[in-house]
Each structure stands twice: as C-alpha cells, then as structure tokens.
Amino acid sequence: MSETEPMNVNDRRKCIHKLRGRYKKANKKEKGDLINEIVAVVGMHRESIIQLLNNQLSWNKLSRERGRTYGVDVDDAIRKIATS
C-alpha cells in the first residue's frame, strides 16, 4: 500500500486496535494528540475513531431477513394469473 492509496477497512481496524492500549492509558491531552495522529493516518472522522477506541472492534452481526409473508397457496395463484 502506498501513501496515496486510502486504507481499507481491515487496515484501519488493525491500526486502531494497535493504538487502543496507548489511548486507554493516556491522559486527556495525550488522547487528543493520539486522535489527531490517527485522523492523519487513517482519514476517518474524530468521533468515529473515538467510538472505535472506546468500544469493541468486533463486527456487528447482520440481522436476518424477514420471513415470508404469504404462503405457497398465494404463490400458486400468482403463477396461474401470470401464465394466463
């Protein structure tokens, strides 16, 4: 990856994960400096970085799609209407 290419999501997460320990141990001024450094490297917004540093870096589980609303008998009726 060159300096001009933007970081992908996995690279950003790795970078933030490595700096997470320093962030937890830092005082308020050091935290601000560290966030400024991460913004320059990663290119994300400050608030997004703060949320990632304070919370878990795990992926959110996607919810399952909604189930079927109509039964097989309605599907059969629609097929008959469509073919006629």
PDB file of N, CA and C in Angstrom:
ATOM      1  N   MET A   1       0.844  -1.168   0.000  1.00  0.00           N
ATOM      2  CA  MET A   1       0.000   0.000   0.000  1.00  0.00           C
ATOM      3  C   MET A   1       0.894   1.236   0.000  1.00  0.00           C
ATOM      4  N   SER A   2       0.640   2.148  -0.924  1.00  0.00           N
ATOM      5  CA  SER A   2       1.437   3.363  -0.987  1.00  0.00           C
ATOM      6  C   SER A   2       0.793   4.453  -0.137  1.00  0.00           C
ATOM      7  N   GLU A   3       1.471   5.601  -0.032  1.00  0.00           N
ATOM      8  CA  GLU A   3       0.960   6.704   0.789  1.00  0.00           C
ATOM      9  C   GLU A   3      -0.275   7.352   0.178  1.00  0.00           C
ATOM     10  N   THR A   4      -0.447   7.239  -1.133  1.00  0.00           N
ATOM     11  CA  THR A   4      -1.582   7.896  -1.776  1.00  0.00           C
ATOM     12  C   THR A   4      -2.843   7.044  -1.764  1.00  0.00           C
ATOM     13  N   GLU A   5      -2.708   5.738  -1.595  1.00  0.00           N
ATOM     14  CA  GLU A   5      -3.874   4.855  -1.569  1.00  0.00           C
ATOM     15  C   GLU A   5      -4.568   4.943  -0.216  1.00  0.00           C
ATOM     16  N   PRO A   6      -5.901   5.014  -0.207  1.00  0.00           N
ATOM     17  CA  PRO A   6      -6.597   5.024   1.079  1.00  0.00           C
ATOM     18  C   PRO A   6      -6.536   3.650   1.741  1.00  0.00           C
ATOM     19  N   MET A   7      -6.605   3.638   3.056  1.00  0.00           N
ATOM     20  CA  MET A   7      -6.569   2.377   3.802  1.00  0.00           C
ATOM     21  C   MET A   7      -7.899   1.657   3.634  1.00  0.00           C
ATOM     22  N   ASN A   8      -7.841   0.343   3.570  1.00  0.00           N
ATOM     23  CA  ASN A   8      -9.093  -0.401   3.553  1.00  0.00           C
ATOM     24  C   ASN A   8      -9.570  -0.607   4.990  1.00  0.00           C
ATOM     25  N   VAL A   9     -10.751  -1.161   5.154  1.00  0.00           N
ATOM     26  CA  VAL A   9     -11.379  -1.279   6.467  1.00  0.00           C
ATOM     27  C   VAL A   9     -10.537  -2.131   7.417  1.00  0.00           C
ATOM     28  N   ASN A  10     -10.004  -3.223   6.937  1.00  0.00           N
ATOM     29  CA  ASN A  10      -9.216  -4.103   7.804  1.00  0.00           C
ATOM     30  C   ASN A  10      -7.935  -3.432   8.273  1.00  0.00           C
ATOM     31  N   ASP A  11      -7.280  -2.677   7.385  1.00  0.00           N
ATOM     32  CA  ASP A  11      -6.066  -1.967   7.773  1.00  0.00           C
ATOM     33  C   ASP A  11      -6.366  -0.895   8.824  1.00  0.00           C
ATOM     34  N   ARG A  12      -7.493  -0.193   8.658  1.00  0.00           N
ATOM     35  CA  ARG A  12      -7.880   0.823   9.640  1.00  0.00           C
ATOM     36  C   ARG A  12      -8.122   0.187  11.001  1.00  0.00           C
ATOM     37  N   ARG A  13      -8.833  -0.937  11.007  1.00  0.00           N
ATOM     38  CA  ARG A  13      -9.128  -1.608  12.271  1.00  0.00           C
ATOM     39  C   ARG A  13      -7.844  -2.104  12.947  1.00  0.00           C
ATOM     40  N   LYS A  14      -6.911  -2.623  12.172  1.00  0.00           N
ATOM     41  CA  LYS A  14      -5.639  -3.073  12.741  1.00  0.00           C
ATOM     42  C   LYS A  14      -4.884  -1.908  13.366  1.00  0.00           C
ATOM     43  N   CYS A  15      -4.855  -0.786  12.668  1.00  0.00           N
ATOM     44  CA  CYS A  15      -4.151   0.407  13.163  1.00  0.00           C
ATOM     45  C   CYS A  15      -4.781   0.902  14.457  1.00  0.00           C
ATOM     46  N   ILE A  16      -6.102   0.995  14.486  1.00  0.00           N
ATOM     47  CA  ILE A  16      -6.796   1.474  15.675  1.00  0.00           C
ATOM     48  C   ILE A  16      -6.637   0.483  16.819  1.00  0.00           C
ATOM     49  N   HIS A  17      -6.663  -0.809  16.516  1.00  0.00           N
ATOM     50  CA  HIS A  17      -6.506  -1.833  17.551  1.00  0.00           C
ATOM     51  C   HIS A  17      -5.127  -1.738  18.207  1.00  0.00           C
ATOM     52  N   LYS A  18      -4.097  -1.467  17.424  1.00  0.00           N
ATOM     53  CA  LYS A  18      -2.743  -1.368  17.972  1.00  0.00           C
ATOM     54  C   LYS A  18      -2.599  -0.155  18.895  1.00  0.00           C
ATOM     55  N   LEU A  19      -3.292   0.930  18.592  1.00  0.00           N
ATOM     56  CA  LEU A  19      -3.160   2.146  19.385  1.00  0.00           C
ATOM     57  C   LEU A  19      -4.153   2.221  20.538  1.00  0.00           C
ATOM     58  N   ARG A  20      -5.004   1.238  20.651  1.00  0.00           N
ATOM     59  CA  ARG A  20      -6.053   1.245  21.665  1.00  0.00           C
ATOM     60  C   ARG A  20      -5.484   1.231  23.087  1.00  0.00           C
ATOM     61  N   GLY A  21      -4.455   0.449  23.328  1.00  0.00           N
ATOM     62  CA  GLY A  21      -3.836   0.374  24.658  1.00  0.00           C
ATOM     63  C   GLY A  21      -3.237   1.707  25.078  1.00  0.00           C
ATOM     64  N   ARG A  22      -2.543   2.355  24.151  1.00  0.00           N
ATOM     65  CA  ARG A  22      -1.980   3.678  24.456  1.00  0.00           C
ATOM     66  C   ARG A  22      -3.072   4.683  24.780  1.00  0.00           C
ATOM     67  N   TYR A  23      -4.202   4.590  24.058  1.00  0.00           N
ATOM     68  CA  TYR A  23      -5.305   5.516  24.274  1.00  0.00           C
ATOM     69  C   TYR A  23      -5.909   5.327  25.664  1.00  0.00           C
ATOM     70  N   LYS A  24      -6.089   4.083  26.095  1.00  0.00           N
ATOM     71  CA  LYS A  24      -6.689   3.800  27.402  1.00  0.00           C
ATOM     72  C   LYS A  24      -5.825   4.320  28.549  1.00  0.00           C
ATOM     73  N   LYS A  25      -4.497   4.278  28.397  1.00  0.00           N
ATOM     74  CA  LYS A  25      -3.581   4.698  29.461  1.00  0.00           C
ATOM     75  C   LYS A  25      -3.277   6.195  29.434  1.00  0.00           C
ATOM     76  N   ALA A  26      -3.626   6.889  28.372  1.00  0.00           N
ATOM     77  CA  ALA A  26      -3.235   8.289  28.188  1.00  0.00           C
ATOM     78  C   ALA A  26      -4.134   9.230  28.987  1.00  0.00           C
ATOM     79  N   ASN A  27      -3.575  10.427  29.297  1.00  0.00           N
ATOM     80  CA  ASN A  27      -4.398  11.471  29.905  1.00  0.00           C
ATOM     81  C   ASN A  27      -5.118  12.234  28.793  1.00  0.00           C
ATOM     82  N   LYS A  28      -5.865  13.269  29.167  1.00  0.00           N
ATOM     83  CA  LYS A  28      -6.725  13.947  28.197  1.00  0.00           C
ATOM     84  C   LYS A  28      -5.925  14.571  27.047  1.00  0.00           C
ATOM     85  N   LYS A  29      -4.823  15.238  27.348  1.00  0.00           N
ATOM     86  CA  LYS A  29      -4.025  15.878  26.293  1.00  0.00           C
ATOM     87  C   LYS A  29      -3.411  14.836  25.362  1.00  0.00           C
ATOM     88  N   GLU A  30      -2.888  13.770  25.948  1.00  0.00           N
ATOM     89  CA  GLU A  30      -2.280  12.712  25.138  1.00  0.00           C
ATOM     90  C   GLU A  30      -3.321  12.026  24.253  1.00  0.00           C
ATOM     91  N   LYS A  31      -4.544  11.864  24.773  1.00  0.00           N
ATOM     92  CA  LYS A  31      -5.613  11.268  23.972  1.00  0.00           C
ATOM     93  C   LYS A  31      -5.925  12.138  22.756  1.00  0.00           C
ATOM     94  N   GLY A  32      -5.984  13.469  22.975  1.00  0.00           N
ATOM     95  CA  GLY A  32      -6.244  14.371  21.863  1.00  0.00           C
ATOM     96  C   GLY A  32      -5.160  14.296  20.804  1.00  0.00           C
ATOM     97  N   ASP A  33      -3.910  14.254  21.259  1.00  0.00           N
ATOM     98  CA  ASP A  33      -2.784  14.147  20.322  1.00  0.00           C
ATOM     99  C   ASP A  33      -2.824  12.820  19.561  1.00  0.00           C
ATOM    100  N   LEU A  34      -3.149  11.754  20.271  1.00  0.00           N
ATOM    101  CA  LEU A  34      -3.223  10.436  19.646  1.00  0.00           C
ATOM    102  C   LEU A  34      -4.345  10.385  18.608  1.00  0.00           C
ATOM    103  N   ILE A  35      -5.482  10.982  18.936  1.00  0.00           N
ATOM    104  CA  ILE A  35      -6.600  11.011  17.980  1.00  0.00           C
ATOM    105  C   ILE A  35      -6.219  11.815  16.748  1.00  0.00           C
ATOM    106  N   ASN A  36      -5.537  12.944  16.928  1.00  0.00           N
ATOM    107  CA  ASN A  36      -5.073  13.738  15.784  1.00  0.00           C
ATOM    108  C   ASN A  36      -4.139  12.922  14.895  1.00  0.00           C
ATOM    109  N   GLU A  37      -3.286  12.143  15.518  1.00  0.00           N
ATOM    110  CA  GLU A  37      -2.356  11.288  14.775  1.00  0.00           C
ATOM    111  C   GLU A  37      -3.118  10.225  13.974  1.00  0.00           C
ATOM    112  N   ILE A  38      -4.112   9.615  14.598  1.00  0.00           N
ATOM    113  CA  ILE A  38      -4.893   8.576  13.919  1.00  0.00           C
ATOM    114  C   ILE A  38      -5.699   9.183  12.771  1.00  0.00           C
ATOM    115  N   VAL A  39      -6.254  10.380  12.972  1.00  0.00           N
ATOM    116  CA  VAL A  39      -7.010  11.047  11.899  1.00  0.00           C
ATOM    117  C   VAL A  39      -6.113  11.272  10.697  1.00  0.00           C
ATOM    118  N   ALA A  40      -4.874  11.690  10.938  1.00  0.00           N
ATOM    119  CA  ALA A  40      -3.945  11.950   9.841  1.00  0.00           C
ATOM    120  C   ALA A  40      -3.591  10.663   9.099  1.00  0.00           C
ATOM    121  N   VAL A  41      -3.456   9.567   9.819  1.00  0.00           N
ATOM    122  CA  VAL A  41      -3.036   8.304   9.198  1.00  0.00           C
ATOM    123  C   VAL A  41      -4.210   7.598   8.528  1.00  0.00           C
ATOM    124  N   VAL A  42      -5.323   7.497   9.249  1.00  0.00           N
ATOM    125  CA  VAL A  42      -6.438   6.678   8.801  1.00  0.00           C
ATOM    126  C   VAL A  42      -7.390   7.450   7.895  1.00  0.00           C
ATOM    127  N   GLY A  43      -7.625   8.721   8.196  1.00  0.00           N
ATOM    128  CA  GLY A  43      -8.520   9.523   7.372  1.00  0.00           C
ATOM    129  C   GLY A  43      -9.977   9.421   7.758  1.00  0.00           C
ATOM    130  N   MET A  44     -10.252   8.998   9.000  1.00  0.00           N
ATOM    131  CA  MET A  44     -11.635   8.908   9.477  1.00  0.00           C
ATOM    132  C   MET A  44     -11.962  10.149  10.310  1.00  0.00           C
ATOM    133  N   HIS A  45     -13.232  10.329  10.621  1.00  0.00           N
ATOM    134  CA  HIS A  45     -13.652  11.426  11.475  1.00  0.00           C
ATOM    135  C   HIS A  45     -13.262  11.128  12.924  1.00  0.00           C
ATOM    136  N   ARG A  46     -13.051  12.207  13.685  1.00  0.00           N
ATOM    137  CA  ARG A  46     -12.626  12.062  15.078  1.00  0.00           C
ATOM    138  C   ARG A  46     -13.611  11.244  15.904  1.00  0.00           C
ATOM    139  N   GLU A  47     -14.893  11.562  15.788  1.00  0.00           N
ATOM    140  CA  GLU A  47     -15.889  10.871  16.611  1.00  0.00           C
ATOM    141  C   GLU A  47     -15.944   9.378  16.294  1.00  0.00           C
ATOM    142  N   SER A  48     -15.780   9.030  15.038  1.00  0.00           N
ATOM    143  CA  SER A  48     -15.772   7.611  14.666  1.00  0.00           C
ATOM    144  C   SER A  48     -14.580   6.903  15.299  1.00  0.00           C
ATOM    145  N   ILE A  49     -13.451   7.556  15.305  1.00  0.00           N
ATOM    146  CA  ILE A  49     -12.248   6.970  15.893  1.00  0.00           C
ATOM    147  C   ILE A  49     -12.416   6.814  17.397  1.00  0.00           C
ATOM    148  N   ILE A  50     -12.988   7.825  18.048  1.00  0.00           N
ATOM    149  CA  ILE A  50     -13.201   7.761  19.492  1.00  0.00           C
ATOM    150  C   ILE A  50     -14.135   6.607  19.837  1.00  0.00           C
ATOM    151  N   GLN A  51     -15.188   6.432  19.065  1.00  0.00           N
ATOM    152  CA  GLN A  51     -16.109   5.323  19.309  1.00  0.00           C
ATOM    153  C   GLN A  51     -15.407   3.981  19.153  1.00  0.00           C
ATOM    154  N   LEU A  52     -14.578   3.848  18.129  1.00  0.00           N
ATOM    155  CA  LEU A  52     -13.864   2.593  17.923  1.00  0.00           C
ATOM    156  C   LEU A  52     -12.842   2.337  19.030  1.00  0.00           C
ATOM    157  N   LEU A  53     -12.207   3.401  19.534  1.00  0.00           N
ATOM    158  CA  LEU A  53     -11.230   3.229  20.597  1.00  0.00           C
ATOM    159  C   LEU A  53     -11.888   2.871  21.927  1.00  0.00           C
ATOM    160  N   ASN A  54     -13.086   3.359  22.177  1.00  0.00           N
ATOM    161  CA  ASN A  54     -13.766   3.103  23.444  1.00  0.00           C
ATOM    162  C   ASN A  54     -14.587   1.829  23.443  1.00  0.00           C
ATOM    163  N   ASN A  55     -15.013   1.371  22.284  1.00  0.00           N
ATOM    164  CA  ASN A  55     -15.870   0.198  22.193  1.00  0.00           C
ATOM    165  C   ASN A  55     -15.111  -0.962  21.578  1.00  0.00           C
ATOM    166  N   GLN A  56     -15.794  -2.088  21.470  1.00  0.00           N
ATOM    167  CA  GLN A  56     -15.177  -3.251  20.848  1.00  0.00           C
ATOM    168  C   GLN A  56     -15.045  -3.030  19.349  1.00  0.00           C
ATOM    169  N   LEU A  57     -14.045  -3.650  18.776  1.00  0.00           N
ATOM    170  CA  LEU A  57     -13.804  -3.533  17.340  1.00  0.00           C
ATOM    171  C   LEU A  57     -14.420  -4.688  16.562  1.00  0.00           C
ATOM    172  N   SER A  58     -15.315  -5.428  17.201  1.00  0.00           N
ATOM    173  CA  SER A  58     -15.912  -6.563  16.505  1.00  0.00           C
ATOM    174  C   SER A  58     -16.951  -6.073  15.514  1.00  0.00           C
ATOM    175  N   TRP A  59     -17.203  -6.885  14.518  1.00  0.00           N
ATOM    176  CA  TRP A  59     -18.187  -6.551  13.502  1.00  0.00           C
ATOM    177  C   TRP A  59     -19.578  -6.757  14.059  1.00  0.00           C
ATOM    178  N   ASN A  60     -20.504  -5.910  13.651  1.00  0.00           N
ATOM    179  CA  ASN A  60     -21.889  -6.072  14.052  1.00  0.00           C
ATOM    180  C   ASN A  60     -22.515  -7.220  13.266  1.00  0.00           C
ATOM    181  N   LYS A  61     -23.242  -8.064  13.964  1.00  0.00           N
ATOM    182  CA  LYS A  61     -23.902  -9.165  13.304  1.00  0.00           C
ATOM    183  C   LYS A  61     -25.111  -8.624  12.547  1.00  0.00           C
ATOM    184  N   LEU A  62     -25.216  -8.968  11.296  1.00  0.00           N
ATOM    185  CA  LEU A  62     -26.332  -8.508  10.494  1.00  0.00           C
ATOM    186  C   LEU A  62     -27.586  -9.275  10.876  1.00  0.00           C
ATOM    187  N   SER A  63     -28.700  -8.568  10.913  1.00  0.00           N
ATOM    188  CA  SER A  63     -29.942  -9.241  11.261  1.00  0.00           C
ATOM    189  C   SER A  63     -30.413 -10.072  10.069  1.00  0.00           C
ATOM    190  N   ARG A  64     -31.166 -11.088  10.371  1.00  0.00           N
ATOM    191  CA  ARG A  64     -31.663 -11.956   9.307  1.00  0.00           C
ATOM    192  C   ARG A  64     -32.784 -11.262   8.567  1.00  0.00           C
ATOM    193  N   GLU A  65     -32.948 -11.665   7.335  1.00  0.00           N
ATOM    194  CA  GLU A  65     -34.017 -11.085   6.537  1.00  0.00           C
ATOM    195  C   GLU A  65     -35.371 -11.516   7.075  1.00  0.00           C
ATOM    196  N   ARG A  66     -36.357 -10.731   6.766  1.00  0.00           N
ATOM    197  CA  ARG A  66     -37.706 -11.011   7.208  1.00  0.00           C
ATOM    198  C   ARG A  66     -38.219 -12.277   6.530  1.00  0.00           C
ATOM    199  N   GLY A  67     -39.029 -13.035   7.218  1.00  0.00           N
ATOM    200  CA  GLY A  67     -39.576 -14.271   6.680  1.00  0.00           C
ATOM    201  C   GLY A  67     -40.631 -14.004   5.623  1.00  0.00           C
ATOM    202  N   ARG A  68     -41.139 -15.066   5.048  1.00  0.00           N
ATOM    203  CA  ARG A  68     -42.165 -14.960   4.012  1.00  0.00           C
ATOM    204  C   ARG A  68     -43.461 -14.445   4.610  1.00  0.00           C
ATOM    205  N   THR A  69     -44.145 -13.591   3.862  1.00  0.00           N
ATOM    206  CA  THR A  69     -45.417 -13.059   4.322  1.00  0.00           C
ATOM    207  C   THR A  69     -46.568 -13.940   3.861  1.00  0.00           C
ATOM    208  N   TYR A  70     -46.496 -14.400   2.645  1.00  0.00           N
ATOM    209  CA  TYR A  70     -47.572 -15.206   2.071  1.00  0.00           C
ATOM    210  C   TYR A  70     -47.118 -16.644   1.931  1.00  0.00           C
ATOM    211  N   GLY A  71     -48.094 -17.550   1.913  1.00  0.00           N
ATOM    212  CA  GLY A  71     -47.791 -18.963   1.822  1.00  0.00           C
ATOM    213  C   GLY A  71     -47.696 -19.453   0.391  1.00  0.00           C
ATOM    214  N   VAL A  72     -47.594 -20.746   0.269  1.00  0.00           N
ATOM    215  CA  VAL A  72     -47.444 -21.409  -1.021  1.00  0.00           C
ATOM    216  C   VAL A  72     -48.701 -21.242  -1.863  1.00  0.00           C
ATOM    217  N   ASP A  73     -49.878 -21.249  -1.234  1.00  0.00           N
ATOM    218  CA  ASP A  73     -51.123 -21.142  -1.992  1.00  0.00           C
ATOM    219  C   ASP A  73     -51.218 -19.803  -2.723  1.00  0.00           C
ATOM    220  N   VAL A  74     -50.714 -18.743  -2.133  1.00  0.00           N
ATOM    221  CA  VAL A  74     -50.719 -17.439  -2.799  1.00  0.00           C
ATOM    222  C   VAL A  74     -49.735 -17.447  -3.962  1.00  0.00           C
ATOM    223  N   ASP A  75     -48.571 -18.068  -3.787  1.00  0.00           N
ATOM    224  CA  ASP A  75     -47.601 -18.182  -4.881  1.00  0.00           C
ATOM    225  C   ASP A  75     -48.196 -18.934  -6.066  1.00  0.00           C
ATOM    226  N   ASP A  76     -48.918 -20.011  -5.785  1.00  0.00           N
ATOM    227  CA  ASP A  76     -49.554 -20.790  -6.852  1.00  0.00           C
ATOM    228  C   ASP A  76     -50.585 -19.936  -7.606  1.00  0.00           C
ATOM    229  N   ALA A  77     -51.372 -19.154  -6.868  1.00  0.00           N
ATOM    230  CA  ALA A  77     -52.368 -18.305  -7.510  1.00  0.00           C
ATOM    231  C   ALA A  77     -51.711 -17.247  -8.375  1.00  0.00           C
ATOM    232  N   ILE A  78     -50.617 -16.681  -7.912  1.00  0.00           N
ATOM    233  CA  ILE A  78     -49.908 -15.659  -8.707  1.00  0.00           C
ATOM    234  C   ILE A  78     -49.339 -16.285  -9.974  1.00  0.00           C
ATOM    235  N   ARG A  79     -48.783 -17.507  -9.875  1.00  0.00           N
ATOM    236  CA  ARG A  79     -48.258 -18.175 -11.064  1.00  0.00           C
ATOM    237  C   ARG A  79     -49.361 -18.442 -12.086  1.00  0.00           C
ATOM    238  N   LYS A  80     -50.538 -18.859 -11.631  1.00  0.00           N
ATOM    239  CA  LYS A  80     -51.659 -19.109 -12.543  1.00  0.00           C
ATOM    240  C   LYS A  80     -52.114 -17.826 -13.234  1.00  0.00           C
ATOM    241  N   ILE A  81     -52.162 -16.736 -12.475  1.00  0.00           N
ATOM    242  CA  ILE A  81     -52.559 -15.444 -13.069  1.00  0.00           C
ATOM    243  C   ILE A  81     -51.511 -14.976 -14.070  1.00  0.00           C
ATOM    244  N   ALA A  82     -50.242 -15.154 -13.757  1.00  0.00           N
ATOM    245  CA  ALA A  82     -49.178 -14.689 -14.635  1.00  0.00           C
ATOM    246  C   ALA A  82     -49.120 -15.480 -15.928  1.00  0.00           C
ATOM    247  N   THR A  83     -49.429 -16.762 -15.888  1.00  0.00           N
ATOM    248  CA  THR A  83     -49.349 -17.583 -17.101  1.00  0.00           C
ATOM    249  C   THR A  83     -50.591 -17.464 -17.975  1.00  0.00           C
ATOM    250  N   SER A  84     -51.688 -16.995 -17.418  1.00  0.00           N
ATOM    251  CA  SER A  84     -52.911 -16.902 -18.242  1.00  0.00           C
ATOM    252  C   SER A  84     -53.051 -15.549 -18.920  1.00  0.00           C
TER     253      SER A  84
END
